[in-house]
Amino acid sequence: MYTLAKSAEKYFRDYVRGGGKDNRKKQVARMIEFLDWAESVDNVRALHGLGKNHVIGFWKSHRELSDATAYKYWLAISKLWEWLDKHEAPPKPFKADKRLLPKPEQNPAGNFFPNIGSAIKFTRESQSMSLLKLANLTGCDLMAIEEIEAGNLLNASTSDVQNLLGILGIQLFVPRNK
């Protein structure tokens, strides 16, 4: 447990005393995981320094969570927000609506591109998708997508590239040497 979670222990003790103990212990464990993540990744040093951008970053780095599990984390973070007297509810996890996702084109011959950025740009444009829509669907930063499409992958995170490939339905093919 990091320093940030230790500073929230006073809330945890009173909370676990009442109600369904097992559920409350699980919620406290989720809060501690969020606080440890915020401290280690975003360098948050005080509870009142937490904000919606930290929650959004947590959701981005935990996209693999099922809808039910993400909702449980959101409930835990909401309780933490209540204790900290935050005025707004924390942002809910964003899951791309399957109906809004583009349909992958069935092209048995396939298209081959010299790099990932050009494949992403070609596919996005062939599906008449704006950069803004792609950013909203993937949760990636607009500037990061532009950099990736330009072929600059040095500053791109692997998760952003994976999200772009997955949303656009792009499959990688590595030819074997004969």
N, C-alpha and C. Protein backbone atom coordinates (compact mmCIF):
# COMPACT_ATOMS: atom_id res chain seq x y z
N MET A 1 0.85 -1.18 0.00
CA MET A 1 0.00 0.00 0.00
C MET A 1 0.89 1.24 0.00
N TYR A 2 0.65 2.12 -0.93
CA TYR A 2 1.44 3.33 -1.07
C TYR A 2 0.97 4.40 -0.08
N THR A 3 1.65 5.53 -0.07
CA THR A 3 1.36 6.63 0.84
C THR A 3 -0.04 7.18 0.67
N LEU A 4 -0.50 7.30 -0.57
CA LEU A 4 -1.82 7.86 -0.85
C LEU A 4 -2.92 7.00 -0.22
N ALA A 5 -2.80 5.69 -0.35
CA ALA A 5 -3.80 4.79 0.23
C ALA A 5 -3.73 4.83 1.76
N LYS A 6 -2.53 4.99 2.30
CA LYS A 6 -2.41 5.07 3.76
C LYS A 6 -3.10 6.32 4.31
N SER A 7 -3.06 7.40 3.53
CA SER A 7 -3.72 8.63 3.99
C SER A 7 -5.24 8.50 3.95
N ALA A 8 -5.75 7.52 3.22
CA ALA A 8 -7.20 7.31 3.16
C ALA A 8 -7.67 6.25 4.14
N GLU A 9 -6.76 5.68 4.94
CA GLU A 9 -7.12 4.59 5.86
C GLU A 9 -8.19 4.98 6.87
N LYS A 10 -8.21 6.23 7.28
CA LYS A 10 -9.21 6.67 8.26
C LYS A 10 -10.63 6.50 7.70
N TYR A 11 -10.79 6.72 6.39
CA TYR A 11 -12.09 6.51 5.77
C TYR A 11 -12.41 5.01 5.69
N PHE A 12 -11.40 4.22 5.37
CA PHE A 12 -11.60 2.78 5.18
C PHE A 12 -12.07 2.11 6.47
N ARG A 13 -11.44 2.46 7.61
CA ARG A 13 -11.78 1.83 8.88
C ARG A 13 -13.25 2.00 9.23
N ASP A 14 -13.75 3.21 9.14
CA ASP A 14 -15.15 3.46 9.48
C ASP A 14 -16.09 2.80 8.47
N TYR A 15 -15.70 2.77 7.23
CA TYR A 15 -16.55 2.22 6.17
C TYR A 15 -16.71 0.70 6.32
N VAL A 16 -15.65 0.00 6.67
CA VAL A 16 -15.70 -1.46 6.75
C VAL A 16 -16.45 -1.92 7.99
N ARG A 17 -16.58 -1.06 8.99
CA ARG A 17 -17.27 -1.45 10.22
C ARG A 17 -18.73 -1.78 10.02
N GLY A 18 -19.43 -1.07 9.15
CA GLY A 18 -20.87 -1.28 9.01
C GLY A 18 -21.22 -1.98 7.71
N GLY A 19 -22.45 -2.47 7.64
CA GLY A 19 -22.95 -3.06 6.39
C GLY A 19 -22.34 -4.40 6.07
N GLY A 20 -22.47 -4.80 4.83
CA GLY A 20 -21.95 -6.08 4.35
C GLY A 20 -20.43 -6.04 4.31
N LYS A 21 -19.79 -6.72 5.23
CA LYS A 21 -18.34 -6.62 5.40
C LYS A 21 -17.56 -7.09 4.18
N ASP A 22 -17.97 -8.22 3.60
CA ASP A 22 -17.23 -8.75 2.45
C ASP A 22 -17.24 -7.77 1.28
N ASN A 23 -18.43 -7.24 0.97
CA ASN A 23 -18.54 -6.30 -0.14
C ASN A 23 -17.74 -5.04 0.13
N ARG A 24 -17.81 -4.53 1.34
CA ARG A 24 -17.09 -3.30 1.66
C ARG A 24 -15.58 -3.51 1.62
N LYS A 25 -15.13 -4.69 2.04
CA LYS A 25 -13.68 -4.98 1.96
C LYS A 25 -13.23 -5.03 0.51
N LYS A 26 -14.07 -5.60 -0.36
CA LYS A 26 -13.72 -5.65 -1.78
C LYS A 26 -13.69 -4.24 -2.37
N GLN A 27 -14.65 -3.40 -1.95
CA GLN A 27 -14.66 -2.02 -2.45
C GLN A 27 -13.42 -1.26 -1.98
N VAL A 28 -13.02 -1.47 -0.73
CA VAL A 28 -11.82 -0.82 -0.22
C VAL A 28 -10.59 -1.30 -1.00
N ALA A 29 -10.55 -2.59 -1.32
CA ALA A 29 -9.43 -3.12 -2.11
C ALA A 29 -9.39 -2.45 -3.49
N ARG A 30 -10.56 -2.20 -4.09
CA ARG A 30 -10.60 -1.52 -5.39
C ARG A 30 -10.14 -0.07 -5.26
N MET A 31 -10.55 0.58 -4.16
CA MET A 31 -10.11 1.96 -3.93
C MET A 31 -8.59 2.01 -3.78
N ILE A 32 -8.04 1.06 -3.02
CA ILE A 32 -6.59 1.03 -2.81
C ILE A 32 -5.88 0.80 -4.13
N GLU A 33 -6.41 -0.09 -4.98
CA GLU A 33 -5.79 -0.32 -6.28
C GLU A 33 -5.79 0.96 -7.12
N PHE A 34 -6.91 1.69 -7.11
CA PHE A 34 -6.99 2.95 -7.85
C PHE A 34 -5.99 3.97 -7.29
N LEU A 35 -5.94 4.10 -5.96
CA LEU A 35 -5.05 5.07 -5.34
C LEU A 35 -3.58 4.72 -5.60
N ASP A 36 -3.24 3.43 -5.50
CA ASP A 36 -1.87 3.01 -5.79
C ASP A 36 -1.51 3.29 -7.24
N TRP A 37 -2.47 3.04 -8.15
CA TRP A 37 -2.23 3.33 -9.57
C TRP A 37 -1.99 4.83 -9.76
N ALA A 38 -2.85 5.66 -9.15
CA ALA A 38 -2.73 7.12 -9.31
C ALA A 38 -1.39 7.62 -8.77
N GLU A 39 -0.94 7.04 -7.67
CA GLU A 39 0.32 7.48 -7.09
C GLU A 39 1.52 7.01 -7.92
N SER A 40 1.46 5.78 -8.39
CA SER A 40 2.62 5.26 -9.11
C SER A 40 2.70 5.77 -10.55
N VAL A 41 1.57 5.91 -11.22
CA VAL A 41 1.59 6.31 -12.62
C VAL A 41 1.50 7.83 -12.79
N ASP A 42 0.59 8.47 -12.06
CA ASP A 42 0.37 9.91 -12.24
C ASP A 42 1.03 10.78 -11.17
N ASN A 43 1.77 10.17 -10.25
CA ASN A 43 2.50 10.91 -9.22
C ASN A 43 1.61 11.78 -8.34
N VAL A 44 0.41 11.35 -8.03
CA VAL A 44 -0.47 12.08 -7.13
C VAL A 44 0.02 11.87 -5.71
N ARG A 45 0.17 12.93 -4.96
CA ARG A 45 0.72 12.82 -3.60
C ARG A 45 -0.30 13.12 -2.50
N ALA A 46 -1.44 13.72 -2.84
CA ALA A 46 -2.46 14.05 -1.84
C ALA A 46 -3.83 13.62 -2.34
N LEU A 47 -4.69 13.18 -1.44
CA LEU A 47 -6.02 12.72 -1.82
C LEU A 47 -6.80 13.79 -2.57
N HIS A 48 -6.69 15.02 -2.12
CA HIS A 48 -7.45 16.09 -2.75
C HIS A 48 -6.84 16.51 -4.10
N GLY A 49 -5.70 15.94 -4.43
CA GLY A 49 -5.10 16.18 -5.74
C GLY A 49 -5.67 15.28 -6.82
N LEU A 50 -6.51 14.33 -6.41
CA LEU A 50 -7.14 13.44 -7.39
C LEU A 50 -8.20 14.20 -8.17
N GLY A 51 -8.29 13.90 -9.46
CA GLY A 51 -9.29 14.55 -10.30
C GLY A 51 -9.79 13.61 -11.37
N LYS A 52 -10.66 14.14 -12.21
CA LYS A 52 -11.27 13.30 -13.24
C LYS A 52 -10.26 12.79 -14.25
N ASN A 53 -9.19 13.54 -14.51
CA ASN A 53 -8.18 13.08 -15.45
C ASN A 53 -7.48 11.82 -14.95
N HIS A 54 -7.33 11.70 -13.62
CA HIS A 54 -6.73 10.49 -13.06
C HIS A 54 -7.66 9.29 -13.26
N VAL A 55 -8.94 9.52 -13.09
CA VAL A 55 -9.91 8.44 -13.28
C VAL A 55 -9.93 8.02 -14.75
N ILE A 56 -9.91 8.98 -15.65
CA ILE A 56 -9.91 8.66 -17.09
C ILE A 56 -8.65 7.87 -17.44
N GLY A 57 -7.52 8.27 -16.89
CA GLY A 57 -6.28 7.53 -17.13
C GLY A 57 -6.36 6.11 -16.59
N PHE A 58 -7.01 5.95 -15.45
CA PHE A 58 -7.20 4.61 -14.87
C PHE A 58 -8.05 3.75 -15.81
N TRP A 59 -9.14 4.33 -16.34
CA TRP A 59 -9.98 3.57 -17.27
C TRP A 59 -9.22 3.20 -18.53
N LYS A 60 -8.42 4.12 -19.04
CA LYS A 60 -7.64 3.83 -20.26
C LYS A 60 -6.66 2.68 -20.03
N SER A 61 -6.04 2.67 -18.87
CA SER A 61 -5.05 1.62 -18.62
C SER A 61 -5.68 0.30 -18.18
N HIS A 62 -6.98 0.31 -17.92
CA HIS A 62 -7.69 -0.90 -17.49
C HIS A 62 -8.85 -1.22 -18.43
N ARG A 63 -8.66 -1.04 -19.72
CA ARG A 63 -9.71 -1.32 -20.70
C ARG A 63 -10.13 -2.77 -20.76
N GLU A 64 -9.28 -3.66 -20.26
CA GLU A 64 -9.59 -5.08 -20.33
C GLU A 64 -10.65 -5.52 -19.32
N LEU A 65 -11.02 -4.64 -18.39
CA LEU A 65 -12.02 -4.98 -17.39
C LEU A 65 -13.38 -5.21 -18.05
N SER A 66 -14.10 -6.19 -17.54
CA SER A 66 -15.46 -6.41 -18.05
C SER A 66 -16.34 -5.24 -17.61
N ASP A 67 -17.51 -5.13 -18.23
CA ASP A 67 -18.42 -4.03 -17.87
C ASP A 67 -18.80 -4.09 -16.40
N ALA A 68 -19.08 -5.29 -15.90
CA ALA A 68 -19.51 -5.45 -14.50
C ALA A 68 -18.38 -5.07 -13.54
N THR A 69 -17.17 -5.50 -13.84
CA THR A 69 -16.04 -5.18 -12.97
C THR A 69 -15.72 -3.69 -13.01
N ALA A 70 -15.75 -3.11 -14.19
CA ALA A 70 -15.50 -1.67 -14.31
C ALA A 70 -16.54 -0.88 -13.52
N TYR A 71 -17.79 -1.34 -13.56
CA TYR A 71 -18.85 -0.67 -12.80
C TYR A 71 -18.58 -0.76 -11.30
N LYS A 72 -18.08 -1.91 -10.83
CA LYS A 72 -17.74 -2.05 -9.40
C LYS A 72 -16.61 -1.11 -9.01
N TYR A 73 -15.62 -0.98 -9.89
CA TYR A 73 -14.55 -0.01 -9.62
C TYR A 73 -15.10 1.40 -9.60
N TRP A 74 -16.03 1.71 -10.51
CA TRP A 74 -16.61 3.05 -10.54
C TRP A 74 -17.37 3.33 -9.24
N LEU A 75 -18.10 2.33 -8.73
CA LEU A 75 -18.81 2.52 -7.45
C LEU A 75 -17.83 2.80 -6.32
N ALA A 76 -16.71 2.08 -6.31
CA ALA A 76 -15.70 2.30 -5.27
C ALA A 76 -15.10 3.70 -5.39
N ILE A 77 -14.78 4.11 -6.61
CA ILE A 77 -14.20 5.44 -6.81
C ILE A 77 -15.24 6.51 -6.47
N SER A 78 -16.51 6.24 -6.75
CA SER A 78 -17.57 7.19 -6.39
C SER A 78 -17.66 7.38 -4.88
N LYS A 79 -17.50 6.31 -4.14
CA LYS A 79 -17.53 6.40 -2.67
C LYS A 79 -16.34 7.23 -2.19
N LEU A 80 -15.18 7.01 -2.79
CA LEU A 80 -13.99 7.81 -2.46
C LEU A 80 -14.24 9.28 -2.77
N TRP A 81 -14.87 9.57 -3.90
CA TRP A 81 -15.20 10.95 -4.28
C TRP A 81 -16.13 11.56 -3.24
N GLU A 82 -17.09 10.77 -2.76
CA GLU A 82 -18.04 11.26 -1.74
C GLU A 82 -17.28 11.64 -0.47
N TRP A 83 -16.35 10.81 -0.05
CA TRP A 83 -15.55 11.10 1.15
C TRP A 83 -14.71 12.35 0.98
N LEU A 84 -14.24 12.58 -0.23
CA LEU A 84 -13.37 13.73 -0.49
C LEU A 84 -14.16 15.00 -0.81
N ASP A 85 -15.48 14.93 -0.74
CA ASP A 85 -16.37 16.06 -1.02
C ASP A 85 -16.17 16.65 -2.41
N LYS A 86 -15.95 15.78 -3.39
CA LYS A 86 -15.86 16.24 -4.78
C LYS A 86 -17.27 16.59 -5.24
N HIS A 87 -17.39 17.63 -6.04
CA HIS A 87 -18.70 18.14 -6.43
C HIS A 87 -19.37 17.33 -7.53
N GLU A 88 -18.58 16.72 -8.39
CA GLU A 88 -19.15 15.94 -9.49
C GLU A 88 -18.80 14.47 -9.28
N ALA A 89 -19.60 13.61 -9.88
CA ALA A 89 -19.29 12.18 -9.84
C ALA A 89 -18.07 11.92 -10.72
N PRO A 90 -17.29 10.88 -10.40
CA PRO A 90 -16.13 10.57 -11.24
C PRO A 90 -16.59 10.09 -12.62
N PRO A 91 -15.77 10.26 -13.64
CA PRO A 91 -16.16 9.81 -14.98
C PRO A 91 -16.39 8.30 -15.00
N LYS A 92 -17.41 7.90 -15.73
CA LYS A 92 -17.71 6.47 -15.86
C LYS A 92 -16.78 5.85 -16.89
N PRO A 93 -16.56 4.55 -16.78
CA PRO A 93 -15.70 3.90 -17.78
C PRO A 93 -16.35 3.95 -19.15
N PHE A 94 -15.52 4.17 -20.16
CA PHE A 94 -16.03 4.28 -21.53
C PHE A 94 -15.83 2.96 -22.24
N LYS A 95 -16.89 2.39 -22.69
CA LYS A 95 -16.83 1.19 -23.52
C LYS A 95 -17.41 1.57 -24.88
N ALA A 96 -16.71 1.26 -25.92
CA ALA A 96 -17.18 1.59 -27.27
C ALA A 96 -18.45 0.81 -27.58
N ASP A 97 -19.47 1.49 -28.02
CA ASP A 97 -20.72 0.86 -28.42
C ASP A 97 -20.47 0.07 -29.70
N LYS A 98 -20.74 -1.22 -29.65
CA LYS A 98 -20.46 -2.10 -30.79
C LYS A 98 -21.19 -1.64 -32.05
N ARG A 99 -22.35 -1.00 -31.91
CA ARG A 99 -23.09 -0.53 -33.08
C ARG A 99 -22.40 0.63 -33.77
N LEU A 100 -21.56 1.39 -33.03
CA LEU A 100 -20.87 2.53 -33.61
C LEU A 100 -19.55 2.15 -34.27
N LEU A 101 -19.07 0.94 -33.96
CA LEU A 101 -17.79 0.53 -34.52
C LEU A 101 -17.92 0.26 -36.00
N PRO A 102 -16.91 0.60 -36.77
CA PRO A 102 -16.97 0.34 -38.21
C PRO A 102 -16.93 -1.15 -38.49
N LYS A 103 -17.58 -1.56 -39.54
CA LYS A 103 -17.59 -2.96 -39.96
C LYS A 103 -16.29 -3.23 -40.71
N PRO A 104 -15.56 -4.27 -40.30
CA PRO A 104 -14.33 -4.57 -41.05
C PRO A 104 -14.67 -5.04 -42.45
N GLU A 105 -13.94 -4.50 -43.40
CA GLU A 105 -14.20 -4.87 -44.79
C GLU A 105 -13.60 -6.24 -45.07
N GLN A 106 -14.35 -7.06 -45.76
CA GLN A 106 -13.87 -8.38 -46.13
C GLN A 106 -13.07 -8.26 -47.41
N ASN A 107 -11.79 -8.31 -47.30
CA ASN A 107 -10.91 -8.18 -48.44
C ASN A 107 -9.91 -9.34 -48.39
N PRO A 108 -10.21 -10.47 -49.06
CA PRO A 108 -9.34 -11.63 -48.93
C PRO A 108 -7.92 -11.38 -49.44
N ALA A 109 -7.78 -10.54 -50.45
CA ALA A 109 -6.44 -10.27 -50.98
C ALA A 109 -5.65 -9.43 -49.99
N GLY A 110 -6.33 -8.56 -49.26
CA GLY A 110 -5.68 -7.71 -48.26
C GLY A 110 -4.93 -6.55 -48.88
N ASN A 111 -4.71 -5.55 -48.08
CA ASN A 111 -3.89 -4.42 -48.47
C ASN A 111 -2.61 -4.49 -47.67
N PHE A 112 -1.51 -4.18 -48.28
CA PHE A 112 -0.23 -4.22 -47.59
C PHE A 112 0.34 -2.81 -47.54
N PHE A 113 0.84 -2.44 -46.35
CA PHE A 113 1.34 -1.09 -46.14
C PHE A 113 2.75 -1.15 -45.59
N PRO A 114 3.54 -0.13 -45.88
CA PRO A 114 4.93 -0.15 -45.41
C PRO A 114 5.07 0.03 -43.89
N ASN A 115 4.05 0.66 -43.26
CA ASN A 115 4.11 0.84 -41.81
C ASN A 115 2.70 0.88 -41.22
N ILE A 116 2.63 0.79 -39.92
CA ILE A 116 1.35 0.75 -39.22
C ILE A 116 0.58 2.05 -39.38
N GLY A 117 1.29 3.17 -39.35
CA GLY A 117 0.63 4.48 -39.46
C GLY A 117 -0.12 4.65 -40.76
N SER A 118 0.48 4.23 -41.86
CA SER A 118 -0.21 4.36 -43.15
C SER A 118 -1.40 3.42 -43.24
N ALA A 119 -1.31 2.25 -42.62
CA ALA A 119 -2.45 1.33 -42.60
C ALA A 119 -3.62 1.92 -41.81
N ILE A 120 -3.30 2.54 -40.67
CA ILE A 120 -4.35 3.15 -39.85
C ILE A 120 -5.00 4.31 -40.59
N LYS A 121 -4.19 5.16 -41.21
CA LYS A 121 -4.74 6.32 -41.94
C LYS A 121 -5.60 5.86 -43.11
N PHE A 122 -5.12 4.90 -43.90
CA PHE A 122 -5.88 4.41 -45.04
C PHE A 122 -7.22 3.81 -44.60
N THR A 123 -7.19 2.98 -43.57
CA THR A 123 -8.41 2.33 -43.11
C THR A 123 -9.40 3.34 -42.55
N ARG A 124 -8.91 4.30 -41.76
CA ARG A 124 -9.79 5.33 -41.20
C ARG A 124 -10.45 6.12 -42.32
N GLU A 125 -9.67 6.53 -43.32
CA GLU A 125 -10.22 7.32 -44.42
C GLU A 125 -11.15 6.49 -45.30
N SER A 126 -10.85 5.21 -45.49
CA SER A 126 -11.72 4.37 -46.33
C SER A 126 -13.06 4.12 -45.65
N GLN A 127 -13.10 4.25 -44.31
CA GLN A 127 -14.35 4.09 -43.58
C GLN A 127 -15.01 5.45 -43.31
N SER A 128 -14.50 6.49 -43.94
CA SER A 128 -15.02 7.86 -43.80
C SER A 128 -15.15 8.26 -42.33
N MET A 129 -14.11 7.98 -41.58
CA MET A 129 -14.12 8.28 -40.15
C MET A 129 -13.19 9.46 -39.88
N SER A 130 -13.68 10.42 -39.13
CA SER A 130 -12.84 11.57 -38.79
C SER A 130 -11.87 11.19 -37.68
N LEU A 131 -10.82 11.99 -37.56
CA LEU A 131 -9.87 11.77 -36.48
C LEU A 131 -10.53 11.88 -35.12
N LEU A 132 -11.45 12.84 -35.00
CA LEU A 132 -12.14 13.05 -33.73
C LEU A 132 -12.98 11.84 -33.34
N LYS A 133 -13.69 11.27 -34.30
CA LYS A 133 -14.51 10.09 -34.01
C LYS A 133 -13.63 8.92 -33.59
N LEU A 134 -12.51 8.73 -34.28
CA LEU A 134 -11.59 7.65 -33.92
C LEU A 134 -11.01 7.88 -32.53
N ALA A 135 -10.70 9.11 -32.20
CA ALA A 135 -10.19 9.43 -30.86
C ALA A 135 -11.23 9.11 -29.80
N ASN A 136 -12.48 9.45 -30.07
CA ASN A 136 -13.55 9.17 -29.11
C ASN A 136 -13.79 7.67 -28.95
N LEU A 137 -13.74 6.93 -30.03
CA LEU A 137 -13.96 5.48 -29.96
C LEU A 137 -12.85 4.76 -29.22
N THR A 138 -11.63 5.20 -29.42
CA THR A 138 -10.49 4.49 -28.84
C THR A 138 -10.05 5.04 -27.49
N GLY A 139 -10.39 6.29 -27.21
CA GLY A 139 -9.91 6.91 -25.99
C GLY A 139 -8.50 7.44 -26.12
N CYS A 140 -7.97 7.42 -27.34
CA CYS A 140 -6.61 7.92 -27.60
C CYS A 140 -6.66 9.44 -27.79
N ASP A 141 -5.55 10.06 -27.50
CA ASP A 141 -5.42 11.50 -27.70
C ASP A 141 -5.36 11.80 -29.20
N LEU A 142 -6.03 12.86 -29.62
CA LEU A 142 -6.09 13.24 -31.03
C LEU A 142 -4.70 13.47 -31.62
N MET A 143 -3.85 14.15 -30.88
CA MET A 143 -2.49 14.42 -31.34
C MET A 143 -1.69 13.13 -31.47
N ALA A 144 -1.94 12.18 -30.56
CA ALA A 144 -1.23 10.90 -30.62
C ALA A 144 -1.61 10.14 -31.89
N ILE A 145 -2.90 10.19 -32.26
CA ILE A 145 -3.34 9.52 -33.49
C ILE A 145 -2.69 10.16 -34.71
N GLU A 146 -2.64 11.48 -34.73
CA GLU A 146 -1.99 12.16 -35.86
C GLU A 146 -0.52 11.77 -35.97
N GLU A 147 0.17 11.67 -34.84
CA GLU A 147 1.58 11.27 -34.83
C GLU A 147 1.74 9.84 -35.35
N ILE A 148 0.85 8.95 -34.92
CA ILE A 148 0.92 7.55 -35.35
C ILE A 148 0.68 7.46 -36.85
N GLU A 149 -0.34 8.18 -37.34
CA GLU A 149 -0.63 8.15 -38.77
C GLU A 149 0.52 8.73 -39.60
N ALA A 150 1.27 9.64 -39.02
CA ALA A 150 2.42 10.22 -39.72
C ALA A 150 3.63 9.28 -39.70
N GLY A 151 3.49 8.16 -38.99
CA GLY A 151 4.57 7.18 -38.94
C GLY A 151 5.51 7.35 -37.77
N ASN A 152 5.21 8.28 -36.87
CA ASN A 152 6.06 8.52 -35.71
C ASN A 152 5.56 7.66 -34.55
N LEU A 153 6.10 6.46 -34.42
CA LEU A 153 5.68 5.54 -33.37
C LEU A 153 6.57 5.59 -32.14
N LEU A 154 7.58 6.42 -32.15
CA LEU A 154 8.51 6.47 -31.02
C LEU A 154 7.83 6.93 -29.74
N ASN A 155 6.92 7.89 -29.84
CA ASN A 155 6.24 8.42 -28.66
C ASN A 155 4.88 7.78 -28.43
N ALA A 156 4.48 6.85 -29.29
CA ALA A 156 3.16 6.23 -29.18
C ALA A 156 3.19 5.10 -28.16
N SER A 157 2.12 5.00 -27.38
CA SER A 157 2.04 3.88 -26.44
C SER A 157 1.51 2.66 -27.18
N THR A 158 1.94 1.51 -26.74
CA THR A 158 1.52 0.25 -27.36
C THR A 158 0.01 0.07 -27.24
N SER A 159 -0.55 0.47 -26.10
CA SER A 159 -1.99 0.30 -25.91
C SER A 159 -2.79 1.18 -26.88
N ASP A 160 -2.28 2.39 -27.17
CA ASP A 160 -2.97 3.25 -28.13
C ASP A 160 -2.96 2.62 -29.52
N VAL A 161 -1.81 2.08 -29.93
CA VAL A 161 -1.71 1.45 -31.25
C VAL A 161 -2.62 0.22 -31.31
N GLN A 162 -2.63 -0.58 -30.24
CA GLN A 162 -3.50 -1.76 -30.20
C GLN A 162 -4.97 -1.37 -30.29
N ASN A 163 -5.35 -0.31 -29.57
CA ASN A 163 -6.74 0.16 -29.62
C ASN A 163 -7.12 0.59 -31.03
N LEU A 164 -6.23 1.33 -31.68
CA LEU A 164 -6.50 1.79 -33.06
C LEU A 164 -6.65 0.60 -34.01
N LEU A 165 -5.75 -0.35 -33.92
CA LEU A 165 -5.81 -1.52 -34.79
C LEU A 165 -7.09 -2.32 -34.55
N GLY A 166 -7.45 -2.48 -33.27
CA GLY A 166 -8.65 -3.25 -32.93
C GLY A 166 -9.93 -2.57 -33.39
N ILE A 167 -10.07 -1.28 -33.15
CA ILE A 167 -11.27 -0.54 -33.52
C ILE A 167 -11.44 -0.52 -35.04
N LEU A 168 -10.34 -0.36 -35.76
CA LEU A 168 -10.41 -0.29 -37.21
C LEU A 168 -10.44 -1.67 -37.88
N GLY A 169 -10.23 -2.72 -37.10
CA GLY A 169 -10.27 -4.07 -37.65
C GLY A 169 -9.05 -4.41 -38.51
N ILE A 170 -7.91 -3.85 -38.16
CA ILE A 170 -6.68 -4.09 -38.92
C ILE A 170 -5.95 -5.28 -38.32
N GLN A 171 -5.56 -6.20 -39.18
CA GLN A 171 -4.78 -7.36 -38.74
C GLN A 171 -3.37 -7.24 -39.29
N LEU A 172 -2.41 -7.55 -38.45
CA LEU A 172 -1.02 -7.48 -38.88
C LEU A 172 -0.62 -8.79 -39.54
N PHE A 173 0.20 -8.68 -40.55
CA PHE A 173 0.70 -9.84 -41.26
C PHE A 173 2.20 -9.69 -41.41
N VAL A 174 2.92 -10.66 -40.91
CA VAL A 174 4.38 -10.64 -41.03
C VAL A 174 4.78 -11.77 -41.95
N PRO A 175 5.33 -11.43 -43.13
CA PRO A 175 5.71 -12.49 -44.07
C PRO A 175 6.89 -13.29 -43.56
N ARG A 176 6.87 -14.57 -43.87
CA ARG A 176 7.98 -15.45 -43.46
C ARG A 176 9.05 -15.42 -44.54
N ASN A 177 10.28 -15.49 -44.11
CA ASN A 177 11.40 -15.55 -45.06
C ASN A 177 11.51 -16.97 -45.61
N LYS A 178 11.76 -17.08 -46.89
CA LYS A 178 11.89 -18.41 -47.51
C LYS A 178 13.28 -18.91 -47.49
